[in-house]
PDB file of N, CA and C in Angstrom:
ATOM      1  N   MET A   1       3.402 -13.159   7.759  1.00  0.00           N
ATOM      2  CA  MET A   1       3.944 -11.960   7.169  1.00  0.00           C
ATOM      3  C   MET A   1       3.496 -10.742   7.952  1.00  0.00           C
ATOM      4  N   LEU A   2       2.254 -10.679   8.352  1.00  0.00           N
ATOM      5  CA  LEU A   2       1.768  -9.503   9.059  1.00  0.00           C
ATOM      6  C   LEU A   2       2.327  -9.450  10.531  1.00  0.00           C
ATOM      7  N   LYS A   3       2.862 -10.568  11.016  1.00  0.00           N
ATOM      8  CA  LYS A   3       3.435 -10.632  12.348  1.00  0.00           C
ATOM      9  C   LYS A   3       4.676  -9.735  12.482  1.00  0.00           C
ATOM     10  N   ASN A   4       5.354  -9.518  11.364  1.00  0.00           N
ATOM     11  CA  ASN A   4       6.600  -8.712  11.407  1.00  0.00           C
ATOM     12  C   ASN A   4       6.318  -7.250  11.389  1.00  0.00           C
ATOM     13  N   GLY A   5       5.098  -6.860  11.167  1.00  0.00           N
ATOM     14  CA  GLY A   5       4.770  -5.444  11.017  1.00  0.00           C
ATOM     15  C   GLY A   5       4.156  -4.843  12.278  1.00  0.00           C
ATOM     16  N   LYS A   6       3.843  -3.577  12.150  1.00  0.00           N
ATOM     17  CA  LYS A   6       3.200  -2.864  13.233  1.00  0.00           C
ATOM     18  C   LYS A   6       1.742  -2.567  12.803  1.00  0.00           C
ATOM     19  N   ARG A   7       0.795  -2.884  13.642  1.00  0.00           N
ATOM     20  CA  ARG A   7      -0.613  -2.664  13.313  1.00  0.00           C
ATOM     21  C   ARG A   7      -1.132  -1.458  14.081  1.00  0.00           C
ATOM     22  N   THR A   8      -1.840  -0.590  13.348  1.00  0.00           N
ATOM     23  CA  THR A   8      -2.437   0.588  13.965  1.00  0.00           C
ATOM     24  C   THR A   8      -3.951   0.536  13.636  1.00  0.00           C
ATOM     25  N   VAL A   9      -4.738   0.781  14.663  1.00  0.00           N
ATOM     26  CA  VAL A   9      -6.193   0.729  14.507  1.00  0.00           C
ATOM     27  C   VAL A   9      -6.737   2.147  14.708  1.00  0.00           C
ATOM     28  N   THR A  10      -7.535   2.600  13.779  1.00  0.00           N
ATOM     29  CA  THR A  10      -8.247   3.901  13.881  1.00  0.00           C
ATOM     30  C   THR A  10      -9.732   3.633  13.830  1.00  0.00           C
ATOM     31  N   PRO A  11     -10.548   4.610  14.067  1.00  0.00           N
ATOM     32  CA  PRO A  11     -12.004   4.338  13.996  1.00  0.00           C
ATOM     33  C   PRO A  11     -12.495   3.795  12.677  1.00  0.00           C
ATOM     34  N   GLN A  12     -11.836   4.077  11.543  1.00  0.00           N
ATOM     35  CA  GLN A  12     -12.267   3.624  10.268  1.00  0.00           C
ATOM     36  C   GLN A  12     -11.338   2.676   9.517  1.00  0.00           C
ATOM     37  N   LEU A  13     -10.061   2.600   9.994  1.00  0.00           N
ATOM     38  CA  LEU A  13      -9.063   1.843   9.242  1.00  0.00           C
ATOM     39  C   LEU A  13      -8.236   0.946  10.153  1.00  0.00           C
ATOM     40  N   LEU A  14      -7.746  -0.173   9.513  1.00  0.00           N
ATOM     41  CA  LEU A  14      -6.701  -0.984  10.113  1.00  0.00           C
ATOM     42  C   LEU A  14      -5.536  -0.825   9.151  1.00  0.00           C
ATOM     43  N   VAL A  15      -4.372  -0.436   9.722  1.00  0.00           N
ATOM     44  CA  VAL A  15      -3.181  -0.194   8.884  1.00  0.00           C
ATOM     45  C   VAL A  15      -2.061  -1.025   9.445  1.00  0.00           C
ATOM     46  N   TRP A  16      -1.401  -1.823   8.584  1.00  0.00           N
ATOM     47  CA  TRP A  16      -0.179  -2.564   8.905  1.00  0.00           C
ATOM     48  C   TRP A  16       0.974  -1.902   8.168  1.00  0.00           C
ATOM     49  N   ARG A  17       2.058  -1.700   8.909  1.00  0.00           N
ATOM     50  CA  ARG A  17       3.299  -1.186   8.306  1.00  0.00           C
ATOM     51  C   ARG A  17       4.279  -2.304   8.355  1.00  0.00           C
ATOM     52  N   LEU A  18       4.707  -2.804   7.239  1.00  0.00           N
ATOM     53  CA  LEU A  18       5.610  -3.964   7.151  1.00  0.00           C
ATOM     54  C   LEU A  18       6.965  -3.520   6.628  1.00  0.00           C
ATOM     55  N   PRO A  19       8.021  -3.781   7.348  1.00  0.00           N
ATOM     56  CA  PRO A  19       9.374  -3.440   6.801  1.00  0.00           C
ATOM     57  C   PRO A  19       9.694  -4.325   5.631  1.00  0.00           C
ATOM     58  N   ARG A  20      10.400  -3.755   4.661  1.00  0.00           N
ATOM     59  CA  ARG A  20      10.780  -4.512   3.468  1.00  0.00           C
ATOM     60  C   ARG A  20      12.274  -4.583   3.420  1.00  0.00           C
ATOM     61  N   PRO A  21      12.835  -5.744   3.169  1.00  0.00           N
ATOM     62  CA  PRO A  21      14.294  -5.809   3.100  1.00  0.00           C
ATOM     63  C   PRO A  21      14.827  -4.980   1.963  1.00  0.00           C
ATOM     64  N   VAL A  22      15.786  -4.157   2.231  1.00  0.00           N
ATOM     65  CA  VAL A  22      16.290  -3.199   1.240  1.00  0.00           C
ATOM     66  C   VAL A  22      16.952  -3.954   0.067  1.00  0.00           C
ATOM     67  N   GLU A  23      17.651  -5.025   0.365  1.00  0.00           N
ATOM     68  CA  GLU A  23      18.354  -5.760  -0.671  1.00  0.00           C
ATOM     69  C   GLU A  23      17.385  -6.446  -1.633  1.00  0.00           C
ATOM     70  N   ALA A  24      16.139  -6.638  -1.240  1.00  0.00           N
ATOM     71  CA  ALA A  24      15.181  -7.332  -2.083  1.00  0.00           C
ATOM     72  C   ALA A  24      14.681  -6.465  -3.251  1.00  0.00           C
ATOM     73  N   PHE A  25      14.693  -5.160  -3.040  1.00  0.00           N
ATOM     74  CA  PHE A  25      14.191  -4.284  -4.076  1.00  0.00           C
ATOM     75  C   PHE A  25      15.135  -3.116  -4.324  1.00  0.00           C
ATOM     76  N   GLN A  26      15.232  -2.653  -5.566  1.00  0.00           N
ATOM     77  CA  GLN A  26      16.178  -1.623  -5.864  1.00  0.00           C
ATOM     78  C   GLN A  26      15.706  -0.261  -5.269  1.00  0.00           C
ATOM     79  N   ASP A  27      14.456   0.073  -5.413  1.00  0.00           N
ATOM     80  CA  ASP A  27      14.013   1.344  -4.854  1.00  0.00           C
ATOM     81  C   ASP A  27      13.301   1.099  -3.500  1.00  0.00           C
ATOM     82  N   ASP A  28      13.331   2.078  -2.651  1.00  0.00           N
ATOM     83  CA  ASP A  28      12.801   1.963  -1.328  1.00  0.00           C
ATOM     84  C   ASP A  28      11.511   2.758  -1.149  1.00  0.00           C
ATOM     85  N   ARG A  29      10.840   3.050  -2.241  1.00  0.00           N
ATOM     86  CA  ARG A  29       9.592   3.798  -2.207  1.00  0.00           C
ATOM     87  C   ARG A  29       8.527   2.989  -1.447  1.00  0.00           C
ATOM     88  N   PRO A  30       7.668   3.660  -0.705  1.00  0.00           N
ATOM     89  CA  PRO A  30       6.620   2.908  -0.033  1.00  0.00           C
ATOM     90  C   PRO A  30       5.618   2.293  -1.029  1.00  0.00           C
ATOM     91  N   ARG A  31       5.047   1.197  -0.647  1.00  0.00           N
ATOM     92  CA  ARG A  31       4.009   0.542  -1.498  1.00  0.00           C
ATOM     93  C   ARG A  31       2.714   0.395  -0.694  1.00  0.00           C
ATOM     94  N   LEU A  32       1.622   0.356  -1.438  1.00  0.00           N
ATOM     95  CA  LEU A  32       0.297   0.309  -0.818  1.00  0.00           C
ATOM     96  C   LEU A  32      -0.431  -0.940  -1.213  1.00  0.00           C
ATOM     97  N   GLY A  33      -1.077  -1.602  -0.265  1.00  0.00           N
ATOM     98  CA  GLY A  33      -1.918  -2.725  -0.554  1.00  0.00           C
ATOM     99  C   GLY A  33      -3.246  -2.511   0.121  1.00  0.00           C
ATOM    100  N   LEU A  34      -4.344  -2.865  -0.548  1.00  0.00           N
ATOM    101  CA  LEU A  34      -5.702  -2.658  -0.009  1.00  0.00           C
ATOM    102  C   LEU A  34      -6.361  -3.988   0.207  1.00  0.00           C
ATOM    103  N   VAL A  35      -7.056  -4.122   1.326  1.00  0.00           N
ATOM    104  CA  VAL A  35      -7.842  -5.315   1.612  1.00  0.00           C
ATOM    105  C   VAL A  35      -9.230  -4.863   1.952  1.00  0.00           C
ATOM    106  N   ILE A  36     -10.192  -5.107   1.033  1.00  0.00           N
ATOM    107  CA  ILE A  36     -11.574  -4.703   1.262  1.00  0.00           C
ATOM    108  C   ILE A  36     -12.500  -5.866   0.904  1.00  0.00           C
ATOM    109  N   SER A  37     -13.215  -6.303   1.933  1.00  0.00           N
ATOM    110  CA  SER A  37     -14.138  -7.450   1.687  1.00  0.00           C
ATOM    111  C   SER A  37     -15.514  -6.936   1.257  1.00  0.00           C
ATOM    112  N   ARG A  38     -16.314  -7.866   0.866  1.00  0.00           N
ATOM    113  CA  ARG A  38     -17.692  -7.500   0.411  1.00  0.00           C
ATOM    114  C   ARG A  38     -18.528  -7.066   1.564  1.00  0.00           C
ATOM    115  N   ARG A  39     -18.125  -7.419   2.823  1.00  0.00           N
ATOM    116  CA  ARG A  39     -18.861  -7.008   3.985  1.00  0.00           C
ATOM    117  C   ARG A  39     -18.876  -5.473   4.147  1.00  0.00           C
ATOM    118  N   TYR A  40     -17.853  -4.852   3.463  1.00  0.00           N
ATOM    119  CA  TYR A  40     -17.795  -3.364   3.576  1.00  0.00           C
ATOM    120  C   TYR A  40     -18.995  -2.726   2.919  1.00  0.00           C
ATOM    121  N   GLY A  41     -19.513  -3.315   1.876  1.00  0.00           N
ATOM    122  CA  GLY A  41     -20.655  -2.743   1.210  1.00  0.00           C
ATOM    123  C   GLY A  41     -20.696  -3.153  -0.236  1.00  0.00           C
ATOM    124  N   ASN A  42     -21.531  -2.502  -1.012  1.00  0.00           N
ATOM    125  CA  ASN A  42     -21.599  -2.822  -2.439  1.00  0.00           C
ATOM    126  C   ASN A  42     -20.382  -2.250  -3.182  1.00  0.00           C
ATOM    127  N   ALA A  43     -20.302  -2.509  -4.439  1.00  0.00           N
ATOM    128  CA  ALA A  43     -19.098  -2.097  -5.227  1.00  0.00           C
ATOM    129  C   ALA A  43     -18.925  -0.626  -5.185  1.00  0.00           C
ATOM    130  N   VAL A  44     -19.962   0.130  -5.193  1.00  0.00           N
ATOM    131  CA  VAL A  44     -19.875   1.621  -5.157  1.00  0.00           C
ATOM    132  C   VAL A  44     -19.171   2.076  -3.914  1.00  0.00           C
ATOM    133  N   LYS A  45     -19.562   1.535  -2.742  1.00  0.00           N
ATOM    134  CA  LYS A  45     -18.899   1.926  -1.474  1.00  0.00           C
ATOM    135  C   LYS A  45     -17.473   1.490  -1.407  1.00  0.00           C
ATOM    136  N   ARG A  46     -17.225   0.269  -1.892  1.00  0.00           N
ATOM    137  CA  ARG A  46     -15.839  -0.278  -1.880  1.00  0.00           C
ATOM    138  C   ARG A  46     -14.915   0.537  -2.737  1.00  0.00           C
ATOM    139  N   ASN A  47     -15.350   0.843  -3.929  1.00  0.00           N
ATOM    140  CA  ASN A  47     -14.558   1.630  -4.883  1.00  0.00           C
ATOM    141  C   ASN A  47     -14.350   3.065  -4.357  1.00  0.00           C
ATOM    142  N   ARG A  48     -15.330   3.632  -3.670  1.00  0.00           N
ATOM    143  CA  ARG A  48     -15.201   4.998  -3.195  1.00  0.00           C
ATOM    144  C   ARG A  48     -14.107   5.048  -2.132  1.00  0.00           C
ATOM    145  N   ILE A  49     -14.108   4.123  -1.182  1.00  0.00           N
ATOM    146  CA  ILE A  49     -13.126   4.127  -0.144  1.00  0.00           C
ATOM    147  C   ILE A  49     -11.739   3.834  -0.679  1.00  0.00           C
ATOM    148  N   LYS A  50     -11.670   2.977  -1.726  1.00  0.00           N
ATOM    149  CA  LYS A  50     -10.394   2.678  -2.366  1.00  0.00           C
ATOM    150  C   LYS A  50      -9.804   3.886  -3.042  1.00  0.00           C
ATOM    151  N   ARG A  51     -10.665   4.691  -3.721  1.00  0.00           N
ATOM    152  CA  ARG A  51     -10.241   5.913  -4.349  1.00  0.00           C
ATOM    153  C   ARG A  51      -9.700   6.876  -3.311  1.00  0.00           C
ATOM    154  N   PHE A  52     -10.362   7.009  -2.175  1.00  0.00           N
ATOM    155  CA  PHE A  52      -9.903   7.921  -1.130  1.00  0.00           C
ATOM    156  C   PHE A  52      -8.507   7.522  -0.609  1.00  0.00           C
ATOM    157  N   ILE A  53      -8.311   6.245  -0.369  1.00  0.00           N
ATOM    158  CA  ILE A  53      -7.064   5.740   0.168  1.00  0.00           C
ATOM    159  C   ILE A  53      -5.969   5.889  -0.864  1.00  0.00           C
ATOM    160  N   ARG A  54      -6.219   5.527  -2.097  1.00  0.00           N
ATOM    161  CA  ARG A  54      -5.191   5.673  -3.164  1.00  0.00           C
ATOM    162  C   ARG A  54      -4.830   7.125  -3.415  1.00  0.00           C
ATOM    163  N   GLU A  55      -5.775   8.019  -3.382  1.00  0.00           N
ATOM    164  CA  GLU A  55      -5.488   9.417  -3.587  1.00  0.00           C
ATOM    165  C   GLU A  55      -4.672  10.000  -2.434  1.00  0.00           C
ATOM    166  N   THR A  56      -4.978   9.637  -1.240  1.00  0.00           N
ATOM    167  CA  THR A  56      -4.189  10.042  -0.090  1.00  0.00           C
ATOM    168  C   THR A  56      -2.744   9.554  -0.232  1.00  0.00           C
ATOM    169  N   PHE A  57      -2.610   8.298  -0.603  1.00  0.00           N
ATOM    170  CA  PHE A  57      -1.244   7.716  -0.786  1.00  0.00           C
ATOM    171  C   PHE A  57      -0.528   8.417  -1.901  1.00  0.00           C
ATOM    172  N   ARG A  58      -1.194   8.711  -2.996  1.00  0.00           N
ATOM    173  CA  ARG A  58      -0.509   9.388  -4.126  1.00  0.00           C
ATOM    174  C   ARG A  58      -0.067  10.769  -3.809  1.00  0.00           C
ATOM    175  N   THR A  59      -0.926  11.546  -3.107  1.00  0.00           N
ATOM    176  CA  THR A  59      -0.615  12.941  -2.876  1.00  0.00           C
ATOM    177  C   THR A  59       0.404  13.097  -1.727  1.00  0.00           C
ATOM    178  N   HIS A  60       0.513  12.142  -0.842  1.00  0.00           N
ATOM    179  CA  HIS A  60       1.452  12.205   0.298  1.00  0.00           C
ATOM    180  C   HIS A  60       2.507  11.153   0.231  1.00  0.00           C
ATOM    181  N   LYS A  61       2.764  10.619  -0.943  1.00  0.00           N
ATOM    182  CA  LYS A  61       3.737   9.535  -1.075  1.00  0.00           C
ATOM    183  C   LYS A  61       5.130   9.882  -0.519  1.00  0.00           C
ATOM    184  N   HIS A  62       5.550  11.138  -0.710  1.00  0.00           N
ATOM    185  CA  HIS A  62       6.879  11.542  -0.205  1.00  0.00           C
ATOM    186  C   HIS A  62       6.887  11.642   1.312  1.00  0.00           C
ATOM    187  N   ASP A  63       5.781  11.684   1.981  1.00  0.00           N
ATOM    188  CA  ASP A  63       5.730  11.817   3.472  1.00  0.00           C
ATOM    189  C   ASP A  63       5.749  10.430   4.174  1.00  0.00           C
ATOM    190  N   PHE A  64       5.355   9.374   3.464  1.00  0.00           N
ATOM    191  CA  PHE A  64       5.312   8.050   4.096  1.00  0.00           C
ATOM    192  C   PHE A  64       6.737   7.529   4.285  1.00  0.00           C
ATOM    193  N   PRO A  65       6.937   6.635   5.288  1.00  0.00           N
ATOM    194  CA  PRO A  65       8.287   6.114   5.535  1.00  0.00           C
ATOM    195  C   PRO A  65       8.797   5.322   4.335  1.00  0.00           C
ATOM    196  N   ARG A  66      10.119   5.406   4.135  1.00  0.00           N
ATOM    197  CA  ARG A  66      10.782   4.705   3.029  1.00  0.00           C
ATOM    198  C   ARG A  66      10.946   3.219   3.345  1.00  0.00           C
ATOM    199  N   GLY A  67      10.912   2.365   2.327  1.00  0.00           N
ATOM    200  CA  GLY A  67      11.175   0.933   2.516  1.00  0.00           C
ATOM    201  C   GLY A  67      10.107   0.257   3.327  1.00  0.00           C
ATOM    202  N   VAL A  68       8.856   0.660   3.198  1.00  0.00           N
ATOM    203  CA  VAL A  68       7.763   0.082   4.003  1.00  0.00           C
ATOM    204  C   VAL A  68       6.613  -0.270   3.029  1.00  0.00           C
ATOM    205  N   ASP A  69       6.016  -1.402   3.338  1.00  0.00           N
ATOM    206  CA  ASP A  69       4.797  -1.751   2.671  1.00  0.00           C
ATOM    207  C   ASP A  69       3.634  -1.467   3.593  1.00  0.00           C
ATOM    208  N   LEU A  70       2.637  -0.740   3.093  1.00  0.00           N
ATOM    209  CA  LEU A  70       1.455  -0.390   3.840  1.00  0.00           C
ATOM    210  C   LEU A  70       0.285  -1.225   3.393  1.00  0.00           C
ATOM    211  N   ILE A  71      -0.356  -1.887   4.319  1.00  0.00           N
ATOM    212  CA  ILE A  71      -1.582  -2.630   3.975  1.00  0.00           C
ATOM    213  C   ILE A  71      -2.741  -2.004   4.742  1.00  0.00           C
ATOM    214  N   VAL A  72      -3.728  -1.542   4.077  1.00  0.00           N
ATOM    215  CA  VAL A  72      -4.863  -0.795   4.623  1.00  0.00           C
ATOM    216  C   VAL A  72      -6.115  -1.575   4.452  1.00  0.00           C
ATOM    217  N   GLN A  73      -6.855  -1.760   5.556  1.00  0.00           N
ATOM    218  CA  GLN A  73      -8.148  -2.452   5.480  1.00  0.00           C
ATOM    219  C   GLN A  73      -9.154  -1.543   6.142  1.00  0.00           C
ATOM    220  N   PRO A  74     -10.151  -1.040   5.387  1.00  0.00           N
ATOM    221  CA  PRO A  74     -11.193  -0.284   6.009  1.00  0.00           C
ATOM    222  C   PRO A  74     -12.142  -1.181   6.848  1.00  0.00           C
ATOM    223  N   LYS A  75     -12.546  -0.576   7.967  1.00  0.00           N
ATOM    224  CA  LYS A  75     -13.506  -1.333   8.804  1.00  0.00           C
ATOM    225  C   LYS A  75     -14.878  -1.166   8.144  1.00  0.00           C
ATOM    226  N   THR A  76     -15.822  -1.964   8.664  1.00  0.00           N
ATOM    227  CA  THR A  76     -17.175  -1.853   8.130  1.00  0.00           C
ATOM    228  C   THR A  76     -17.723  -0.464   8.485  1.00  0.00           C
ATOM    229  N   PRO A  77     -18.258   0.247   7.524  1.00  0.00           N
ATOM    230  CA  PRO A  77     -18.675   1.637   7.728  1.00  0.00           C
ATOM    231  C   PRO A  77     -19.946   1.743   8.576  1.00  0.00           C
ATOM    232  N   GLY A  78     -19.952   2.689   9.462  1.00  0.00           N
ATOM    233  CA  GLY A  78     -21.128   3.028  10.212  1.00  0.00           C
ATOM    234  C   GLY A  78     -21.897   4.149   9.505  1.00  0.00           C
ATOM    235  N   ARG A  79     -21.094   4.963   8.875  1.00  0.00           N
ATOM    236  CA  ARG A  79     -21.648   6.088   8.113  1.00  0.00           C
ATOM    237  C   ARG A  79     -20.692   6.395   6.965  1.00  0.00           C
ATOM    238  N   PRO A  80     -21.116   7.103   5.964  1.00  0.00           N
ATOM    239  CA  PRO A  80     -20.261   7.376   4.824  1.00  0.00           C
ATOM    240  C   PRO A  80     -19.073   8.253   5.302  1.00  0.00           C
ATOM    241  N   SER A  81     -17.884   7.920   4.737  1.00  0.00           N
ATOM    242  CA  SER A  81     -16.639   8.674   5.061  1.00  0.00           C
ATOM    243  C   SER A  81     -16.402   9.729   4.041  1.00  0.00           C
ATOM    244  N   THR A  82     -15.780  10.839   4.483  1.00  0.00           N
ATOM    245  CA  THR A  82     -15.369  11.855   3.534  1.00  0.00           C
ATOM    246  C   THR A  82     -13.854  11.657   3.236  1.00  0.00           C
ATOM    247  N   TYR A  83     -13.430  12.292   2.175  1.00  0.00           N
ATOM    248  CA  TYR A  83     -12.007  12.142   1.817  1.00  0.00           C
ATOM    249  C   TYR A  83     -11.117  12.689   2.931  1.00  0.00           C
ATOM    250  N   GLN A  84     -11.534  13.822   3.535  1.00  0.00           N
ATOM    251  CA  GLN A  84     -10.742  14.478   4.597  1.00  0.00           C
ATOM    252  C   GLN A  84     -10.603  13.569   5.800  1.00  0.00           C
ATOM    253  N   GLU A  85     -11.674  12.861   6.184  1.00  0.00           N
ATOM    254  CA  GLU A  85     -11.603  11.929   7.298  1.00  0.00           C
ATOM    255  C   GLU A  85     -10.629  10.804   7.041  1.00  0.00           C
ATOM    256  N   VAL A  86     -10.749  10.160   5.871  1.00  0.00           N
ATOM    257  CA  VAL A  86      -9.923   9.051   5.507  1.00  0.00           C
ATOM    258  C   VAL A  86      -8.459   9.503   5.420  1.00  0.00           C
ATOM    259  N   GLU A  87      -8.200  10.686   4.809  1.00  0.00           N
ATOM    260  CA  GLU A  87      -6.849  11.211   4.665  1.00  0.00           C
ATOM    261  C   GLU A  87      -6.214  11.415   6.072  1.00  0.00           C
ATOM    262  N   ALA A  88      -6.933  12.059   6.948  1.00  0.00           N
ATOM    263  CA  ALA A  88      -6.415  12.362   8.300  1.00  0.00           C
ATOM    264  C   ALA A  88      -6.083  11.036   9.041  1.00  0.00           C
ATOM    265  N   GLU A  89      -7.022  10.094   8.967  1.00  0.00           N
ATOM    266  CA  GLU A  89      -6.827   8.818   9.681  1.00  0.00           C
ATOM    267  C   GLU A  89      -5.646   8.043   9.158  1.00  0.00           C
ATOM    268  N   LEU A  90      -5.495   7.989   7.819  1.00  0.00           N
ATOM    269  CA  LEU A  90      -4.416   7.236   7.226  1.00  0.00           C
ATOM    270  C   LEU A  90      -3.045   7.885   7.548  1.00  0.00           C
ATOM    271  N   LEU A  91      -3.006   9.218   7.454  1.00  0.00           N
ATOM    272  CA  LEU A  91      -1.756   9.891   7.767  1.00  0.00           C
ATOM    273  C   LEU A  91      -1.400   9.751   9.249  1.00  0.00           C
ATOM    274  N   ARG A  92      -2.402   9.810  10.092  1.00  0.00           N
ATOM    275  CA  ARG A  92      -2.135   9.665  11.531  1.00  0.00           C
ATOM    276  C   ARG A  92      -1.697   8.264  11.867  1.00  0.00           C
ATOM    277  N   ALA A  93      -2.304   7.262  11.263  1.00  0.00           N
ATOM    278  CA  ALA A  93      -1.976   5.853  11.516  1.00  0.00           C
ATOM    279  C   ALA A  93      -0.561   5.505  11.037  1.00  0.00           C
ATOM    280  N   CYS A  94      -0.131   6.172   9.996  1.00  0.00           N
ATOM    281  CA  CYS A  94       1.222   5.954   9.472  1.00  0.00           C
ATOM    282  C   CYS A  94       2.317   6.786  10.089  1.00  0.00           C
ATOM    283  N   GLY A  95       1.911   7.655  11.009  1.00  0.00           N
ATOM    284  CA  GLY A  95       2.906   8.451  11.688  1.00  0.00           C
ATOM    285  C   GLY A  95       3.330   9.700  10.909  1.00  0.00           C
ATOM    286  N   VAL A  96       2.636  10.073   9.896  1.00  0.00           N
ATOM    287  CA  VAL A  96       3.027  11.231   9.076  1.00  0.00           C
ATOM    288  C   VAL A  96       2.629  12.480   9.817  1.00  0.00           C
ATOM    289  N   ILE A  97       1.459  12.513  10.480  1.00  0.00           N
ATOM    290  CA  ILE A  97       1.029  13.673  11.244  1.00  0.00           C
ATOM    291  C   ILE A  97       0.702  13.192  12.668  1.00  0.00           C
ATOM    292  N   GLU A  98       0.662  14.124  13.577  1.00  0.00           N
ATOM    293  CA  GLU A  98       0.347  13.805  14.954  1.00  0.00           C
ATOM    294  C   GLU A  98      -1.105  13.749  15.188  1.00  0.00           C
TER     295      GLU A  98
END
């Protein structure tokens, strides 16, 4: 399934953009999937990064490409991430900003 998509690597995130067949779904709104393993850290760290990614997706949903499934996997953190860093990287990886 991931072979059909485009993978983008940033310093903190792996992002796959997968095209979705239009006839399979009535609406073409983008969808978000998260993949976070326990290696990322304890539950507090995992939930924090998930909140950052979900909030970025929610606030910029209209900017993401239509008819695409986004799968986001944070890399193992070297240092704590801020919301602004995660937001900028996710938007850059998805082609929303330069």
